[in-house]
PDBML (XML) file of the C-alpha atoms, coordinates in Angstrom:
<?xml version="1.0" encoding="UTF-8" ?>
<PDBx:datablock datablockName="MODEL"
   xmlns:PDBx="http://pdbml.pdb.org/schema/pdbx-v50.xsd"
   xmlns:xsi="http://www.w3.org/2001/XMLSchema-instance"
   xsi:schemaLocation="http://pdbml.pdb.org/schema/pdbx-v50.xsd pdbx-v50.xsd">
   <PDBx:atom_siteCategory>
      <PDBx:atom_site id="1">
         <PDBx:B_iso_or_equiv>0.00</PDBx:B_iso_or_equiv>
         <PDBx:Cartn_x>-10.181</PDBx:Cartn_x>
         <PDBx:Cartn_y>-13.626</PDBx:Cartn_y>
         <PDBx:Cartn_z>11.274</PDBx:Cartn_z>
         <PDBx:auth_asym_id>A</PDBx:auth_asym_id>
         <PDBx:auth_atom_id>CA</PDBx:auth_atom_id>
         <PDBx:auth_comp_id>ASN</PDBx:auth_comp_id>
         <PDBx:auth_seq_id>1</PDBx:auth_seq_id>
         <PDBx:group_PDB>ATOM</PDBx:group_PDB>
         <PDBx:label_alt_id xsi:nil="true" />
         <PDBx:label_asym_id>A</PDBx:label_asym_id>
         <PDBx:label_atom_id>CA</PDBx:label_atom_id>
         <PDBx:label_comp_id>ASN</PDBx:label_comp_id>
         <PDBx:label_entity_id>1</PDBx:label_entity_id>
         <PDBx:label_seq_id>1</PDBx:label_seq_id>
         <PDBx:occupancy>1.00</PDBx:occupancy>
         <PDBx:pdbx_PDB_model_num>1</PDBx:pdbx_PDB_model_num>
         <PDBx:type_symbol>C</PDBx:type_symbol>
      </PDBx:atom_site>
      <PDBx:atom_site id="2">
         <PDBx:B_iso_or_equiv>0.00</PDBx:B_iso_or_equiv>
         <PDBx:Cartn_x>-6.569</PDBx:Cartn_x>
         <PDBx:Cartn_y>-12.687</PDBx:Cartn_y>
         <PDBx:Cartn_z>10.606</PDBx:Cartn_z>
         <PDBx:auth_asym_id>A</PDBx:auth_asym_id>
         <PDBx:auth_atom_id>CA</PDBx:auth_atom_id>
         <PDBx:auth_comp_id>ILE</PDBx:auth_comp_id>
         <PDBx:auth_seq_id>2</PDBx:auth_seq_id>
         <PDBx:group_PDB>ATOM</PDBx:group_PDB>
         <PDBx:label_alt_id xsi:nil="true" />
         <PDBx:label_asym_id>A</PDBx:label_asym_id>
         <PDBx:label_atom_id>CA</PDBx:label_atom_id>
         <PDBx:label_comp_id>ILE</PDBx:label_comp_id>
         <PDBx:label_entity_id>1</PDBx:label_entity_id>
         <PDBx:label_seq_id>2</PDBx:label_seq_id>
         <PDBx:occupancy>1.00</PDBx:occupancy>
         <PDBx:pdbx_PDB_model_num>1</PDBx:pdbx_PDB_model_num>
         <PDBx:type_symbol>C</PDBx:type_symbol>
      </PDBx:atom_site>
      <PDBx:atom_site id="3">
         <PDBx:B_iso_or_equiv>0.00</PDBx:B_iso_or_equiv>
         <PDBx:Cartn_x>-6.545</PDBx:Cartn_x>
         <PDBx:Cartn_y>-9.228</PDBx:Cartn_y>
         <PDBx:Cartn_z>9.074</PDBx:Cartn_z>
         <PDBx:auth_asym_id>A</PDBx:auth_asym_id>
         <PDBx:auth_atom_id>CA</PDBx:auth_atom_id>
         <PDBx:auth_comp_id>GLY</PDBx:auth_comp_id>
         <PDBx:auth_seq_id>3</PDBx:auth_seq_id>
         <PDBx:group_PDB>ATOM</PDBx:group_PDB>
         <PDBx:label_alt_id xsi:nil="true" />
         <PDBx:label_asym_id>A</PDBx:label_asym_id>
         <PDBx:label_atom_id>CA</PDBx:label_atom_id>
         <PDBx:label_comp_id>GLY</PDBx:label_comp_id>
         <PDBx:label_entity_id>1</PDBx:label_entity_id>
         <PDBx:label_seq_id>3</PDBx:label_seq_id>
         <PDBx:occupancy>1.00</PDBx:occupancy>
         <PDBx:pdbx_PDB_model_num>1</PDBx:pdbx_PDB_model_num>
         <PDBx:type_symbol>C</PDBx:type_symbol>
      </PDBx:atom_site>
      <PDBx:atom_site id="4">
         <PDBx:B_iso_or_equiv>0.00</PDBx:B_iso_or_equiv>
         <PDBx:Cartn_x>-4.875</PDBx:Cartn_x>
         <PDBx:Cartn_y>-5.884</PDBx:Cartn_y>
         <PDBx:Cartn_z>9.606</PDBx:Cartn_z>
         <PDBx:auth_asym_id>A</PDBx:auth_asym_id>
         <PDBx:auth_atom_id>CA</PDBx:auth_atom_id>
         <PDBx:auth_comp_id>ASN</PDBx:auth_comp_id>
         <PDBx:auth_seq_id>4</PDBx:auth_seq_id>
         <PDBx:group_PDB>ATOM</PDBx:group_PDB>
         <PDBx:label_alt_id xsi:nil="true" />
         <PDBx:label_asym_id>A</PDBx:label_asym_id>
         <PDBx:label_atom_id>CA</PDBx:label_atom_id>
         <PDBx:label_comp_id>ASN</PDBx:label_comp_id>
         <PDBx:label_entity_id>1</PDBx:label_entity_id>
         <PDBx:label_seq_id>4</PDBx:label_seq_id>
         <PDBx:occupancy>1.00</PDBx:occupancy>
         <PDBx:pdbx_PDB_model_num>1</PDBx:pdbx_PDB_model_num>
         <PDBx:type_symbol>C</PDBx:type_symbol>
      </PDBx:atom_site>
      <PDBx:atom_site id="5">
         <PDBx:B_iso_or_equiv>0.00</PDBx:B_iso_or_equiv>
         <PDBx:Cartn_x>-8.068</PDBx:Cartn_x>
         <PDBx:Cartn_y>-4.390</PDBx:Cartn_y>
         <PDBx:Cartn_z>11.110</PDBx:Cartn_z>
         <PDBx:auth_asym_id>A</PDBx:auth_asym_id>
         <PDBx:auth_atom_id>CA</PDBx:auth_atom_id>
         <PDBx:auth_comp_id>ASN</PDBx:auth_comp_id>
         <PDBx:auth_seq_id>5</PDBx:auth_seq_id>
         <PDBx:group_PDB>ATOM</PDBx:group_PDB>
         <PDBx:label_alt_id xsi:nil="true" />
         <PDBx:label_asym_id>A</PDBx:label_asym_id>
         <PDBx:label_atom_id>CA</PDBx:label_atom_id>
         <PDBx:label_comp_id>ASN</PDBx:label_comp_id>
         <PDBx:label_entity_id>1</PDBx:label_entity_id>
         <PDBx:label_seq_id>5</PDBx:label_seq_id>
         <PDBx:occupancy>1.00</PDBx:occupancy>
         <PDBx:pdbx_PDB_model_num>1</PDBx:pdbx_PDB_model_num>
         <PDBx:type_symbol>C</PDBx:type_symbol>
      </PDBx:atom_site>
      <PDBx:atom_site id="6">
         <PDBx:B_iso_or_equiv>0.00</PDBx:B_iso_or_equiv>
         <PDBx:Cartn_x>-7.410</PDBx:Cartn_x>
         <PDBx:Cartn_y>-1.221</PDBx:Cartn_y>
         <PDBx:Cartn_z>9.069</PDBx:Cartn_z>
         <PDBx:auth_asym_id>A</PDBx:auth_asym_id>
         <PDBx:auth_atom_id>CA</PDBx:auth_atom_id>
         <PDBx:auth_comp_id>GLN</PDBx:auth_comp_id>
         <PDBx:auth_seq_id>6</PDBx:auth_seq_id>
         <PDBx:group_PDB>ATOM</PDBx:group_PDB>
         <PDBx:label_alt_id xsi:nil="true" />
         <PDBx:label_asym_id>A</PDBx:label_asym_id>
         <PDBx:label_atom_id>CA</PDBx:label_atom_id>
         <PDBx:label_comp_id>GLN</PDBx:label_comp_id>
         <PDBx:label_entity_id>1</PDBx:label_entity_id>
         <PDBx:label_seq_id>6</PDBx:label_seq_id>
         <PDBx:occupancy>1.00</PDBx:occupancy>
         <PDBx:pdbx_PDB_model_num>1</PDBx:pdbx_PDB_model_num>
         <PDBx:type_symbol>C</PDBx:type_symbol>
      </PDBx:atom_site>
      <PDBx:atom_site id="7">
         <PDBx:B_iso_or_equiv>0.00</PDBx:B_iso_or_equiv>
         <PDBx:Cartn_x>-8.702</PDBx:Cartn_x>
         <PDBx:Cartn_y>-1.267</PDBx:Cartn_y>
         <PDBx:Cartn_z>5.480</PDBx:Cartn_z>
         <PDBx:auth_asym_id>A</PDBx:auth_asym_id>
         <PDBx:auth_atom_id>CA</PDBx:auth_atom_id>
         <PDBx:auth_comp_id>PRO</PDBx:auth_comp_id>
         <PDBx:auth_seq_id>7</PDBx:auth_seq_id>
         <PDBx:group_PDB>ATOM</PDBx:group_PDB>
         <PDBx:label_alt_id xsi:nil="true" />
         <PDBx:label_asym_id>A</PDBx:label_asym_id>
         <PDBx:label_atom_id>CA</PDBx:label_atom_id>
         <PDBx:label_comp_id>PRO</PDBx:label_comp_id>
         <PDBx:label_entity_id>1</PDBx:label_entity_id>
         <PDBx:label_seq_id>7</PDBx:label_seq_id>
         <PDBx:occupancy>1.00</PDBx:occupancy>
         <PDBx:pdbx_PDB_model_num>1</PDBx:pdbx_PDB_model_num>
         <PDBx:type_symbol>C</PDBx:type_symbol>
      </PDBx:atom_site>
      <PDBx:atom_site id="8">
         <PDBx:B_iso_or_equiv>0.00</PDBx:B_iso_or_equiv>
         <PDBx:Cartn_x>-6.789</PDBx:Cartn_x>
         <PDBx:Cartn_y>0.807</PDBx:Cartn_y>
         <PDBx:Cartn_z>2.927</PDBx:Cartn_z>
         <PDBx:auth_asym_id>A</PDBx:auth_asym_id>
         <PDBx:auth_atom_id>CA</PDBx:auth_atom_id>
         <PDBx:auth_comp_id>GLU</PDBx:auth_comp_id>
         <PDBx:auth_seq_id>8</PDBx:auth_seq_id>
         <PDBx:group_PDB>ATOM</PDBx:group_PDB>
         <PDBx:label_alt_id xsi:nil="true" />
         <PDBx:label_asym_id>A</PDBx:label_asym_id>
         <PDBx:label_atom_id>CA</PDBx:label_atom_id>
         <PDBx:label_comp_id>GLU</PDBx:label_comp_id>
         <PDBx:label_entity_id>1</PDBx:label_entity_id>
         <PDBx:label_seq_id>8</PDBx:label_seq_id>
         <PDBx:occupancy>1.00</PDBx:occupancy>
         <PDBx:pdbx_PDB_model_num>1</PDBx:pdbx_PDB_model_num>
         <PDBx:type_symbol>C</PDBx:type_symbol>
      </PDBx:atom_site>
      <PDBx:atom_site id="9">
         <PDBx:B_iso_or_equiv>0.00</PDBx:B_iso_or_equiv>
         <PDBx:Cartn_x>-8.221</PDBx:Cartn_x>
         <PDBx:Cartn_y>2.537</PDBx:Cartn_y>
         <PDBx:Cartn_z>-0.120</PDBx:Cartn_z>
         <PDBx:auth_asym_id>A</PDBx:auth_asym_id>
         <PDBx:auth_atom_id>CA</PDBx:auth_atom_id>
         <PDBx:auth_comp_id>ASN</PDBx:auth_comp_id>
         <PDBx:auth_seq_id>9</PDBx:auth_seq_id>
         <PDBx:group_PDB>ATOM</PDBx:group_PDB>
         <PDBx:label_alt_id xsi:nil="true" />
         <PDBx:label_asym_id>A</PDBx:label_asym_id>
         <PDBx:label_atom_id>CA</PDBx:label_atom_id>
         <PDBx:label_comp_id>ASN</PDBx:label_comp_id>
         <PDBx:label_entity_id>1</PDBx:label_entity_id>
         <PDBx:label_seq_id>9</PDBx:label_seq_id>
         <PDBx:occupancy>1.00</PDBx:occupancy>
         <PDBx:pdbx_PDB_model_num>1</PDBx:pdbx_PDB_model_num>
         <PDBx:type_symbol>C</PDBx:type_symbol>
      </PDBx:atom_site>
      <PDBx:atom_site id="10">
         <PDBx:B_iso_or_equiv>0.00</PDBx:B_iso_or_equiv>
         <PDBx:Cartn_x>-6.919</PDBx:Cartn_x>
         <PDBx:Cartn_y>0.811</PDBx:Cartn_y>
         <PDBx:Cartn_z>-3.257</PDBx:Cartn_z>
         <PDBx:auth_asym_id>A</PDBx:auth_asym_id>
         <PDBx:auth_atom_id>CA</PDBx:auth_atom_id>
         <PDBx:auth_comp_id>LEU</PDBx:auth_comp_id>
         <PDBx:auth_seq_id>10</PDBx:auth_seq_id>
         <PDBx:group_PDB>ATOM</PDBx:group_PDB>
         <PDBx:label_alt_id xsi:nil="true" />
         <PDBx:label_asym_id>A</PDBx:label_asym_id>
         <PDBx:label_atom_id>CA</PDBx:label_atom_id>
         <PDBx:label_comp_id>LEU</PDBx:label_comp_id>
         <PDBx:label_entity_id>1</PDBx:label_entity_id>
         <PDBx:label_seq_id>10</PDBx:label_seq_id>
         <PDBx:occupancy>1.00</PDBx:occupancy>
         <PDBx:pdbx_PDB_model_num>1</PDBx:pdbx_PDB_model_num>
         <PDBx:type_symbol>C</PDBx:type_symbol>
      </PDBx:atom_site>
      <PDBx:atom_site id="11">
         <PDBx:B_iso_or_equiv>0.00</PDBx:B_iso_or_equiv>
         <PDBx:Cartn_x>-5.795</PDBx:Cartn_x>
         <PDBx:Cartn_y>4.085</PDBx:Cartn_y>
         <PDBx:Cartn_z>-4.881</PDBx:Cartn_z>
         <PDBx:auth_asym_id>A</PDBx:auth_asym_id>
         <PDBx:auth_atom_id>CA</PDBx:auth_atom_id>
         <PDBx:auth_comp_id>LEU</PDBx:auth_comp_id>
         <PDBx:auth_seq_id>11</PDBx:auth_seq_id>
         <PDBx:group_PDB>ATOM</PDBx:group_PDB>
         <PDBx:label_alt_id xsi:nil="true" />
         <PDBx:label_asym_id>A</PDBx:label_asym_id>
         <PDBx:label_atom_id>CA</PDBx:label_atom_id>
         <PDBx:label_comp_id>LEU</PDBx:label_comp_id>
         <PDBx:label_entity_id>1</PDBx:label_entity_id>
         <PDBx:label_seq_id>11</PDBx:label_seq_id>
         <PDBx:occupancy>1.00</PDBx:occupancy>
         <PDBx:pdbx_PDB_model_num>1</PDBx:pdbx_PDB_model_num>
         <PDBx:type_symbol>C</PDBx:type_symbol>
      </PDBx:atom_site>
      <PDBx:atom_site id="12">
         <PDBx:B_iso_or_equiv>0.00</PDBx:B_iso_or_equiv>
         <PDBx:Cartn_x>-3.771</PDBx:Cartn_x>
         <PDBx:Cartn_y>5.036</PDBx:Cartn_y>
         <PDBx:Cartn_z>-1.793</PDBx:Cartn_z>
         <PDBx:auth_asym_id>A</PDBx:auth_asym_id>
         <PDBx:auth_atom_id>CA</PDBx:auth_atom_id>
         <PDBx:auth_comp_id>GLU</PDBx:auth_comp_id>
         <PDBx:auth_seq_id>12</PDBx:auth_seq_id>
         <PDBx:group_PDB>ATOM</PDBx:group_PDB>
         <PDBx:label_alt_id xsi:nil="true" />
         <PDBx:label_asym_id>A</PDBx:label_asym_id>
         <PDBx:label_atom_id>CA</PDBx:label_atom_id>
         <PDBx:label_comp_id>GLU</PDBx:label_comp_id>
         <PDBx:label_entity_id>1</PDBx:label_entity_id>
         <PDBx:label_seq_id>12</PDBx:label_seq_id>
         <PDBx:occupancy>1.00</PDBx:occupancy>
         <PDBx:pdbx_PDB_model_num>1</PDBx:pdbx_PDB_model_num>
         <PDBx:type_symbol>C</PDBx:type_symbol>
      </PDBx:atom_site>
      <PDBx:atom_site id="13">
         <PDBx:B_iso_or_equiv>0.00</PDBx:B_iso_or_equiv>
         <PDBx:Cartn_x>-2.331</PDBx:Cartn_x>
         <PDBx:Cartn_y>1.518</PDBx:Cartn_y>
         <PDBx:Cartn_z>-1.635</PDBx:Cartn_z>
         <PDBx:auth_asym_id>A</PDBx:auth_asym_id>
         <PDBx:auth_atom_id>CA</PDBx:auth_atom_id>
         <PDBx:auth_comp_id>PHE</PDBx:auth_comp_id>
         <PDBx:auth_seq_id>13</PDBx:auth_seq_id>
         <PDBx:group_PDB>ATOM</PDBx:group_PDB>
         <PDBx:label_alt_id xsi:nil="true" />
         <PDBx:label_asym_id>A</PDBx:label_asym_id>
         <PDBx:label_atom_id>CA</PDBx:label_atom_id>
         <PDBx:label_comp_id>PHE</PDBx:label_comp_id>
         <PDBx:label_entity_id>1</PDBx:label_entity_id>
         <PDBx:label_seq_id>13</PDBx:label_seq_id>
         <PDBx:occupancy>1.00</PDBx:occupancy>
         <PDBx:pdbx_PDB_model_num>1</PDBx:pdbx_PDB_model_num>
         <PDBx:type_symbol>C</PDBx:type_symbol>
      </PDBx:atom_site>
      <PDBx:atom_site id="14">
         <PDBx:B_iso_or_equiv>0.00</PDBx:B_iso_or_equiv>
         <PDBx:Cartn_x>-1.170</PDBx:Cartn_x>
         <PDBx:Cartn_y>1.739</PDBx:Cartn_y>
         <PDBx:Cartn_z>-5.263</PDBx:Cartn_z>
         <PDBx:auth_asym_id>A</PDBx:auth_asym_id>
         <PDBx:auth_atom_id>CA</PDBx:auth_atom_id>
         <PDBx:auth_comp_id>VAL</PDBx:auth_comp_id>
         <PDBx:auth_seq_id>14</PDBx:auth_seq_id>
         <PDBx:group_PDB>ATOM</PDBx:group_PDB>
         <PDBx:label_alt_id xsi:nil="true" />
         <PDBx:label_asym_id>A</PDBx:label_asym_id>
         <PDBx:label_atom_id>CA</PDBx:label_atom_id>
         <PDBx:label_comp_id>VAL</PDBx:label_comp_id>
         <PDBx:label_entity_id>1</PDBx:label_entity_id>
         <PDBx:label_seq_id>14</PDBx:label_seq_id>
         <PDBx:occupancy>1.00</PDBx:occupancy>
         <PDBx:pdbx_PDB_model_num>1</PDBx:pdbx_PDB_model_num>
         <PDBx:type_symbol>C</PDBx:type_symbol>
      </PDBx:atom_site>
      <PDBx:atom_site id="15">
         <PDBx:B_iso_or_equiv>0.00</PDBx:B_iso_or_equiv>
         <PDBx:Cartn_x>0.281</PDBx:Cartn_x>
         <PDBx:Cartn_y>5.209</PDBx:Cartn_y>
         <PDBx:Cartn_z>-4.679</PDBx:Cartn_z>
         <PDBx:auth_asym_id>A</PDBx:auth_asym_id>
         <PDBx:auth_atom_id>CA</PDBx:auth_atom_id>
         <PDBx:auth_comp_id>ASP</PDBx:auth_comp_id>
         <PDBx:auth_seq_id>15</PDBx:auth_seq_id>
         <PDBx:group_PDB>ATOM</PDBx:group_PDB>
         <PDBx:label_alt_id xsi:nil="true" />
         <PDBx:label_asym_id>A</PDBx:label_asym_id>
         <PDBx:label_atom_id>CA</PDBx:label_atom_id>
         <PDBx:label_comp_id>ASP</PDBx:label_comp_id>
         <PDBx:label_entity_id>1</PDBx:label_entity_id>
         <PDBx:label_seq_id>15</PDBx:label_seq_id>
         <PDBx:occupancy>1.00</PDBx:occupancy>
         <PDBx:pdbx_PDB_model_num>1</PDBx:pdbx_PDB_model_num>
         <PDBx:type_symbol>C</PDBx:type_symbol>
      </PDBx:atom_site>
      <PDBx:atom_site id="16">
         <PDBx:B_iso_or_equiv>0.00</PDBx:B_iso_or_equiv>
         <PDBx:Cartn_x>2.315</PDBx:Cartn_x>
         <PDBx:Cartn_y>3.918</PDBx:Cartn_y>
         <PDBx:Cartn_z>-1.700</PDBx:Cartn_z>
         <PDBx:auth_asym_id>A</PDBx:auth_asym_id>
         <PDBx:auth_atom_id>CA</PDBx:auth_atom_id>
         <PDBx:auth_comp_id>THR</PDBx:auth_comp_id>
         <PDBx:auth_seq_id>16</PDBx:auth_seq_id>
         <PDBx:group_PDB>ATOM</PDBx:group_PDB>
         <PDBx:label_alt_id xsi:nil="true" />
         <PDBx:label_asym_id>A</PDBx:label_asym_id>
         <PDBx:label_atom_id>CA</PDBx:label_atom_id>
         <PDBx:label_comp_id>THR</PDBx:label_comp_id>
         <PDBx:label_entity_id>1</PDBx:label_entity_id>
         <PDBx:label_seq_id>16</PDBx:label_seq_id>
         <PDBx:occupancy>1.00</PDBx:occupancy>
         <PDBx:pdbx_PDB_model_num>1</PDBx:pdbx_PDB_model_num>
         <PDBx:type_symbol>C</PDBx:type_symbol>
      </PDBx:atom_site>
      <PDBx:atom_site id="17">
         <PDBx:B_iso_or_equiv>0.00</PDBx:B_iso_or_equiv>
         <PDBx:Cartn_x>3.419</PDBx:Cartn_x>
         <PDBx:Cartn_y>0.929</PDBx:Cartn_y>
         <PDBx:Cartn_z>-3.777</PDBx:Cartn_z>
         <PDBx:auth_asym_id>A</PDBx:auth_asym_id>
         <PDBx:auth_atom_id>CA</PDBx:auth_atom_id>
         <PDBx:auth_comp_id>LEU</PDBx:auth_comp_id>
         <PDBx:auth_seq_id>17</PDBx:auth_seq_id>
         <PDBx:group_PDB>ATOM</PDBx:group_PDB>
         <PDBx:label_alt_id xsi:nil="true" />
         <PDBx:label_asym_id>A</PDBx:label_asym_id>
         <PDBx:label_atom_id>CA</PDBx:label_atom_id>
         <PDBx:label_comp_id>LEU</PDBx:label_comp_id>
         <PDBx:label_entity_id>1</PDBx:label_entity_id>
         <PDBx:label_seq_id>17</PDBx:label_seq_id>
         <PDBx:occupancy>1.00</PDBx:occupancy>
         <PDBx:pdbx_PDB_model_num>1</PDBx:pdbx_PDB_model_num>
         <PDBx:type_symbol>C</PDBx:type_symbol>
      </PDBx:atom_site>
      <PDBx:atom_site id="18">
         <PDBx:B_iso_or_equiv>0.00</PDBx:B_iso_or_equiv>
         <PDBx:Cartn_x>4.769</PDBx:Cartn_x>
         <PDBx:Cartn_y>3.078</PDBx:Cartn_y>
         <PDBx:Cartn_z>-6.630</PDBx:Cartn_z>
         <PDBx:auth_asym_id>A</PDBx:auth_asym_id>
         <PDBx:auth_atom_id>CA</PDBx:auth_atom_id>
         <PDBx:auth_comp_id>GLN</PDBx:auth_comp_id>
         <PDBx:auth_seq_id>18</PDBx:auth_seq_id>
         <PDBx:group_PDB>ATOM</PDBx:group_PDB>
         <PDBx:label_alt_id xsi:nil="true" />
         <PDBx:label_asym_id>A</PDBx:label_asym_id>
         <PDBx:label_atom_id>CA</PDBx:label_atom_id>
         <PDBx:label_comp_id>GLN</PDBx:label_comp_id>
         <PDBx:label_entity_id>1</PDBx:label_entity_id>
         <PDBx:label_seq_id>18</PDBx:label_seq_id>
         <PDBx:occupancy>1.00</PDBx:occupancy>
         <PDBx:pdbx_PDB_model_num>1</PDBx:pdbx_PDB_model_num>
         <PDBx:type_symbol>C</PDBx:type_symbol>
      </PDBx:atom_site>
      <PDBx:atom_site id="19">
         <PDBx:B_iso_or_equiv>0.00</PDBx:B_iso_or_equiv>
         <PDBx:Cartn_x>6.609</PDBx:Cartn_x>
         <PDBx:Cartn_y>5.318</PDBx:Cartn_y>
         <PDBx:Cartn_z>-4.131</PDBx:Cartn_z>
         <PDBx:auth_asym_id>A</PDBx:auth_asym_id>
         <PDBx:auth_atom_id>CA</PDBx:auth_atom_id>
         <PDBx:auth_comp_id>GLN</PDBx:auth_comp_id>
         <PDBx:auth_seq_id>19</PDBx:auth_seq_id>
         <PDBx:group_PDB>ATOM</PDBx:group_PDB>
         <PDBx:label_alt_id xsi:nil="true" />
         <PDBx:label_asym_id>A</PDBx:label_asym_id>
         <PDBx:label_atom_id>CA</PDBx:label_atom_id>
         <PDBx:label_comp_id>GLN</PDBx:label_comp_id>
         <PDBx:label_entity_id>1</PDBx:label_entity_id>
         <PDBx:label_seq_id>19</PDBx:label_seq_id>
         <PDBx:occupancy>1.00</PDBx:occupancy>
         <PDBx:pdbx_PDB_model_num>1</PDBx:pdbx_PDB_model_num>
         <PDBx:type_symbol>C</PDBx:type_symbol>
      </PDBx:atom_site>
      <PDBx:atom_site id="20">
         <PDBx:B_iso_or_equiv>0.00</PDBx:B_iso_or_equiv>
         <PDBx:Cartn_x>8.328</PDBx:Cartn_x>
         <PDBx:Cartn_y>2.270</PDBx:Cartn_y>
         <PDBx:Cartn_z>-2.635</PDBx:Cartn_z>
         <PDBx:auth_asym_id>A</PDBx:auth_asym_id>
         <PDBx:auth_atom_id>CA</PDBx:auth_atom_id>
         <PDBx:auth_comp_id>GLU</PDBx:auth_comp_id>
         <PDBx:auth_seq_id>20</PDBx:auth_seq_id>
         <PDBx:group_PDB>ATOM</PDBx:group_PDB>
         <PDBx:label_alt_id xsi:nil="true" />
         <PDBx:label_asym_id>A</PDBx:label_asym_id>
         <PDBx:label_atom_id>CA</PDBx:label_atom_id>
         <PDBx:label_comp_id>GLU</PDBx:label_comp_id>
         <PDBx:label_entity_id>1</PDBx:label_entity_id>
         <PDBx:label_seq_id>20</PDBx:label_seq_id>
         <PDBx:occupancy>1.00</PDBx:occupancy>
         <PDBx:pdbx_PDB_model_num>1</PDBx:pdbx_PDB_model_num>
         <PDBx:type_symbol>C</PDBx:type_symbol>
      </PDBx:atom_site>
      <PDBx:atom_site id="21">
         <PDBx:B_iso_or_equiv>0.00</PDBx:B_iso_or_equiv>
         <PDBx:Cartn_x>9.116</PDBx:Cartn_x>
         <PDBx:Cartn_y>0.833</PDBx:Cartn_y>
         <PDBx:Cartn_z>-6.085</PDBx:Cartn_z>
         <PDBx:auth_asym_id>A</PDBx:auth_asym_id>
         <PDBx:auth_atom_id>CA</PDBx:auth_atom_id>
         <PDBx:auth_comp_id>LEU</PDBx:auth_comp_id>
         <PDBx:auth_seq_id>21</PDBx:auth_seq_id>
         <PDBx:group_PDB>ATOM</PDBx:group_PDB>
         <PDBx:label_alt_id xsi:nil="true" />
         <PDBx:label_asym_id>A</PDBx:label_asym_id>
         <PDBx:label_atom_id>CA</PDBx:label_atom_id>
         <PDBx:label_comp_id>LEU</PDBx:label_comp_id>
         <PDBx:label_entity_id>1</PDBx:label_entity_id>
         <PDBx:label_seq_id>21</PDBx:label_seq_id>
         <PDBx:occupancy>1.00</PDBx:occupancy>
         <PDBx:pdbx_PDB_model_num>1</PDBx:pdbx_PDB_model_num>
         <PDBx:type_symbol>C</PDBx:type_symbol>
      </PDBx:atom_site>
      <PDBx:atom_site id="22">
         <PDBx:B_iso_or_equiv>0.00</PDBx:B_iso_or_equiv>
         <PDBx:Cartn_x>10.838</PDBx:Cartn_x>
         <PDBx:Cartn_y>4.121</PDBx:Cartn_y>
         <PDBx:Cartn_z>-6.955</PDBx:Cartn_z>
         <PDBx:auth_asym_id>A</PDBx:auth_asym_id>
         <PDBx:auth_atom_id>CA</PDBx:auth_atom_id>
         <PDBx:auth_comp_id>ILE</PDBx:auth_comp_id>
         <PDBx:auth_seq_id>22</PDBx:auth_seq_id>
         <PDBx:group_PDB>ATOM</PDBx:group_PDB>
         <PDBx:label_alt_id xsi:nil="true" />
         <PDBx:label_asym_id>A</PDBx:label_asym_id>
         <PDBx:label_atom_id>CA</PDBx:label_atom_id>
         <PDBx:label_comp_id>ILE</PDBx:label_comp_id>
         <PDBx:label_entity_id>1</PDBx:label_entity_id>
         <PDBx:label_seq_id>22</PDBx:label_seq_id>
         <PDBx:occupancy>1.00</PDBx:occupancy>
         <PDBx:pdbx_PDB_model_num>1</PDBx:pdbx_PDB_model_num>
         <PDBx:type_symbol>C</PDBx:type_symbol>
      </PDBx:atom_site>
      <PDBx:atom_site id="23">
         <PDBx:B_iso_or_equiv>0.00</PDBx:B_iso_or_equiv>
         <PDBx:Cartn_x>12.673</PDBx:Cartn_x>
         <PDBx:Cartn_y>4.129</PDBx:Cartn_y>
         <PDBx:Cartn_z>-3.619</PDBx:Cartn_z>
         <PDBx:auth_asym_id>A</PDBx:auth_asym_id>
         <PDBx:auth_atom_id>CA</PDBx:auth_atom_id>
         <PDBx:auth_comp_id>ARG</PDBx:auth_comp_id>
         <PDBx:auth_seq_id>23</PDBx:auth_seq_id>
         <PDBx:group_PDB>ATOM</PDBx:group_PDB>
         <PDBx:label_alt_id xsi:nil="true" />
         <PDBx:label_asym_id>A</PDBx:label_asym_id>
         <PDBx:label_atom_id>CA</PDBx:label_atom_id>
         <PDBx:label_comp_id>ARG</PDBx:label_comp_id>
         <PDBx:label_entity_id>1</PDBx:label_entity_id>
         <PDBx:label_seq_id>23</PDBx:label_seq_id>
         <PDBx:occupancy>1.00</PDBx:occupancy>
         <PDBx:pdbx_PDB_model_num>1</PDBx:pdbx_PDB_model_num>
         <PDBx:type_symbol>C</PDBx:type_symbol>
      </PDBx:atom_site>
      <PDBx:atom_site id="24">
         <PDBx:B_iso_or_equiv>0.00</PDBx:B_iso_or_equiv>
         <PDBx:Cartn_x>13.923</PDBx:Cartn_x>
         <PDBx:Cartn_y>0.562</PDBx:Cartn_y>
         <PDBx:Cartn_z>-4.233</PDBx:Cartn_z>
         <PDBx:auth_asym_id>A</PDBx:auth_asym_id>
         <PDBx:auth_atom_id>CA</PDBx:auth_atom_id>
         <PDBx:auth_comp_id>ALA</PDBx:auth_comp_id>
         <PDBx:auth_seq_id>24</PDBx:auth_seq_id>
         <PDBx:group_PDB>ATOM</PDBx:group_PDB>
         <PDBx:label_alt_id xsi:nil="true" />
         <PDBx:label_asym_id>A</PDBx:label_asym_id>
         <PDBx:label_atom_id>CA</PDBx:label_atom_id>
         <PDBx:label_comp_id>ALA</PDBx:label_comp_id>
         <PDBx:label_entity_id>1</PDBx:label_entity_id>
         <PDBx:label_seq_id>24</PDBx:label_seq_id>
         <PDBx:occupancy>1.00</PDBx:occupancy>
         <PDBx:pdbx_PDB_model_num>1</PDBx:pdbx_PDB_model_num>
         <PDBx:type_symbol>C</PDBx:type_symbol>
      </PDBx:atom_site>
      <PDBx:atom_site id="25">
         <PDBx:B_iso_or_equiv>0.00</PDBx:B_iso_or_equiv>
         <PDBx:Cartn_x>15.076</PDBx:Cartn_x>
         <PDBx:Cartn_y>1.401</PDBx:Cartn_y>
         <PDBx:Cartn_z>-7.753</PDBx:Cartn_z>
         <PDBx:auth_asym_id>A</PDBx:auth_asym_id>
         <PDBx:auth_atom_id>CA</PDBx:auth_atom_id>
         <PDBx:auth_comp_id>GLY</PDBx:auth_comp_id>
         <PDBx:auth_seq_id>25</PDBx:auth_seq_id>
         <PDBx:group_PDB>ATOM</PDBx:group_PDB>
         <PDBx:label_alt_id xsi:nil="true" />
         <PDBx:label_asym_id>A</PDBx:label_asym_id>
         <PDBx:label_atom_id>CA</PDBx:label_atom_id>
         <PDBx:label_comp_id>GLY</PDBx:label_comp_id>
         <PDBx:label_entity_id>1</PDBx:label_entity_id>
         <PDBx:label_seq_id>25</PDBx:label_seq_id>
         <PDBx:occupancy>1.00</PDBx:occupancy>
         <PDBx:pdbx_PDB_model_num>1</PDBx:pdbx_PDB_model_num>
         <PDBx:type_symbol>C</PDBx:type_symbol>
      </PDBx:atom_site>
   </PDBx:atom_siteCategory>
</PDBx:datablock>
């Protein structure tokens, strides 16, 4: 297996994504 060994909730993942998209402009 090659995985991060730390599953993330999809809602939290999407929230982090939109924060970084705002940060990047």
